[in-house]
Amino acid sequence: MLTGVIVKPAARRNARHFALQAIYSWQLTKGNVADIEAQFLSADNYEEEEHQAEEPRLRQPETDVEYFRDLFAGVVLNHQEMDSKMRPYLSRPIQDLDEMEHALLRLAMYELTKREDVPFKVVINEAIELAKRFGAEDSHKFVNGVLDKAVPTLRKK
């Protein structure tokens, strides 16, 4: 039971949004995790009129910043484990995954295996929404298929 902490679903959704982008950036650059995190955390320092109204901001209370940090650092530190956990459920070799799909599946695998406080249905639904937003045309179908196959093994329904 959480004591005194109420997590707004939108704040967690925004944390996933930014964590996915940070993971993707790390995958492409293999840059320093602290530097990438700092870049994301300072990226909100722009003029108000430049801000797109539909884009979330990486700051409290709009975004659960601690959750963003946990997801990003957790995925990077455990990326090999996440890859091995997803591998049995992939319909193609892991090296053939689109980088965004790979980042998204790593994120979802991390939440399924390390964040048991998050219901598996939430993990799957959020992953599908992120795939629709950031992935290729049918990425959401692929991501959904992989996660549906993985959940019975990774989580007790």
Protein backbone atom coordinates (compact mmCIF):
# COMPACT_ATOMS: atom_id res chain seq x y z
CA MET A 1 0.00 0.00 0.00
CA LEU A 2 1.31 3.43 -0.91
CA THR A 3 1.43 5.84 1.99
CA GLY A 4 0.63 9.42 1.13
CA VAL A 5 1.76 9.10 -2.49
CA ILE A 6 -0.80 9.40 -5.23
CA VAL A 7 0.57 8.75 -8.69
CA LYS A 8 -1.40 10.31 -11.48
CA PRO A 9 -1.64 8.04 -14.53
CA ALA A 10 -0.88 10.97 -16.86
CA ALA A 11 2.35 11.73 -14.96
CA ARG A 12 3.46 8.10 -15.37
CA ARG A 13 2.45 8.15 -19.04
CA ASN A 14 4.60 11.23 -19.57
CA ALA A 15 7.49 9.58 -17.71
CA ARG A 16 7.29 6.62 -20.12
CA HIS A 17 7.14 9.03 -23.06
CA PHE A 18 10.41 10.66 -22.05
CA ALA A 19 12.05 7.42 -20.88
CA LEU A 20 11.40 5.86 -24.30
CA GLN A 21 13.02 8.82 -26.02
CA ALA A 22 16.00 8.72 -23.64
CA ILE A 23 16.44 4.95 -24.14
CA TYR A 24 16.26 5.43 -27.90
CA SER A 25 18.88 8.18 -27.69
CA TRP A 26 21.14 5.98 -25.57
CA GLN A 27 20.77 3.04 -27.98
CA LEU A 28 21.78 5.19 -30.94
CA THR A 29 24.66 7.05 -29.29
CA LYS A 30 25.75 4.75 -26.42
CA GLY A 31 26.25 8.08 -24.67
CA ASN A 32 26.75 8.58 -20.97
CA VAL A 33 23.50 7.88 -19.13
CA ALA A 34 23.93 10.82 -16.76
CA ASP A 35 24.55 13.16 -19.69
CA ILE A 36 21.47 11.95 -21.57
CA GLU A 37 19.34 12.24 -18.44
CA ALA A 38 20.63 15.75 -17.79
CA GLN A 39 19.90 16.70 -21.40
CA PHE A 40 16.30 15.52 -21.03
CA LEU A 41 15.84 17.16 -17.66
CA SER A 42 17.17 20.49 -18.92
CA ALA A 43 15.35 20.35 -22.27
CA ASP A 44 12.35 22.09 -20.77
CA ASN A 45 14.33 25.34 -20.50
CA TYR A 46 12.96 26.93 -23.64
CA GLU A 47 10.68 29.81 -24.40
CA GLU A 48 7.03 29.19 -23.52
CA GLU A 49 5.77 30.11 -27.01
CA GLU A 50 8.02 27.44 -28.55
CA HIS A 51 6.31 24.73 -26.50
CA GLN A 52 3.88 22.55 -28.41
CA ALA A 53 0.62 22.46 -26.43
CA GLU A 54 0.14 18.71 -26.95
CA GLU A 55 3.65 17.81 -25.81
CA PRO A 56 4.19 16.92 -22.16
CA ARG A 57 6.91 18.54 -20.09
CA LEU A 58 9.55 16.70 -18.12
CA ARG A 59 8.87 18.33 -14.79
CA GLN A 60 6.63 17.79 -11.78
CA PRO A 61 3.66 17.57 -11.49
CA GLU A 62 3.03 16.99 -15.19
CA THR A 63 5.58 14.17 -15.34
CA ASP A 64 6.66 11.70 -12.67
CA VAL A 65 10.35 12.62 -12.90
CA GLU A 66 11.48 9.94 -10.45
CA TYR A 67 9.69 7.30 -12.50
CA PHE A 68 11.38 8.63 -15.65
CA ARG A 69 14.75 8.29 -13.91
CA ASP A 70 13.97 4.77 -12.69
CA LEU A 71 12.82 3.60 -16.12
CA PHE A 72 15.72 5.11 -18.02
CA ALA A 73 18.49 4.02 -15.65
CA GLY A 74 16.86 0.65 -15.03
CA VAL A 75 16.55 -0.21 -18.72
CA VAL A 76 20.10 0.87 -19.50
CA LEU A 77 21.58 -1.03 -16.55
CA ASN A 78 19.52 -4.14 -17.33
CA HIS A 79 19.35 -3.95 -21.13
CA GLN A 80 21.00 -7.33 -21.70
CA GLU A 81 18.61 -9.01 -19.28
CA MET A 82 15.64 -7.29 -20.95
CA ASP A 83 16.88 -8.46 -24.36
CA SER A 84 17.17 -12.05 -23.15
CA LYS A 85 13.68 -11.88 -21.62
CA MET A 86 12.09 -10.64 -24.87
CA ARG A 87 14.07 -12.88 -27.25
CA PRO A 88 11.81 -16.00 -26.91
CA TYR A 89 8.74 -13.98 -27.90
CA LEU A 90 10.16 -12.24 -30.97
CA SER A 91 9.21 -13.35 -34.48
CA ARG A 92 12.52 -12.10 -35.85
CA PRO A 93 16.10 -11.79 -34.62
CA ILE A 94 16.63 -9.04 -32.07
CA GLN A 95 19.18 -7.30 -34.30
CA ASP A 96 16.45 -6.92 -36.95
CA LEU A 97 14.22 -4.90 -34.63
CA ASP A 98 13.65 -1.28 -35.44
CA GLU A 99 15.51 0.81 -32.83
CA MET A 100 12.29 2.37 -31.56
CA GLU A 101 10.61 -1.04 -31.23
CA HIS A 102 13.69 -2.32 -29.43
CA ALA A 103 13.67 0.61 -27.01
CA LEU A 104 9.95 0.22 -26.40
CA LEU A 105 10.17 -3.52 -25.77
CA ARG A 106 13.08 -2.98 -23.39
CA LEU A 107 11.00 -0.42 -21.51
CA ALA A 108 7.95 -2.71 -21.33
CA MET A 109 10.06 -5.72 -20.29
CA TYR A 110 11.62 -3.64 -17.53
CA GLU A 111 8.21 -2.61 -16.22
CA LEU A 112 6.90 -6.17 -16.43
CA THR A 113 9.87 -7.67 -14.59
CA LYS A 114 11.09 -4.94 -12.24
CA ARG A 115 8.00 -2.83 -11.55
CA GLU A 116 5.42 -5.28 -10.31
CA ASP A 117 3.52 -2.35 -8.76
CA VAL A 118 2.38 -1.52 -12.30
CA PRO A 119 -0.41 -3.81 -13.55
CA PHE A 120 0.59 -5.77 -16.66
CA LYS A 121 -2.46 -4.46 -18.55
CA VAL A 122 -1.23 -0.91 -17.96
CA VAL A 123 2.25 -1.84 -19.24
CA ILE A 124 0.81 -3.37 -22.41
CA ASN A 125 -1.65 -0.54 -23.07
CA GLU A 126 0.98 2.14 -22.52
CA ALA A 127 3.44 0.31 -24.79
CA ILE A 128 0.83 0.08 -27.54
CA GLU A 129 0.09 3.80 -27.28
CA LEU A 130 3.79 4.67 -27.41
CA ALA A 131 4.25 2.38 -30.43
CA LYS A 132 1.38 4.14 -32.20
CA ARG A 133 2.96 7.49 -31.48
CA PHE A 134 6.65 6.77 -32.10
CA GLY A 135 6.84 3.49 -34.01
CA ALA A 136 6.41 2.48 -37.62
CA GLU A 137 2.92 2.00 -39.04
CA ASP A 138 2.20 -1.45 -37.57
CA SER A 139 4.65 -1.40 -34.66
CA HIS A 140 1.83 -1.37 -32.14
CA LYS A 141 0.59 -4.75 -33.44
CA PHE A 142 4.05 -6.27 -33.18
CA VAL A 143 4.63 -4.85 -29.68
CA ASN A 144 1.20 -6.05 -28.54
CA GLY A 145 1.90 -9.56 -29.87
CA VAL A 146 5.27 -9.81 -28.14
CA LEU A 147 3.97 -8.55 -24.81
CA ASP A 148 0.84 -10.73 -24.92
CA LYS A 149 3.05 -13.79 -25.35
CA ALA A 150 5.49 -12.68 -22.63
CA VAL A 151 3.03 -11.75 -19.87
CA PRO A 152 1.97 -15.28 -18.85
CA THR A 153 5.62 -16.18 -18.20
CA LEU A 154 6.78 -12.88 -16.74
CA ARG A 155 3.72 -12.11 -14.62
CA LYS A 156 1.08 -14.17 -12.95
CA LYS A 157 -2.22 -12.97 -14.40
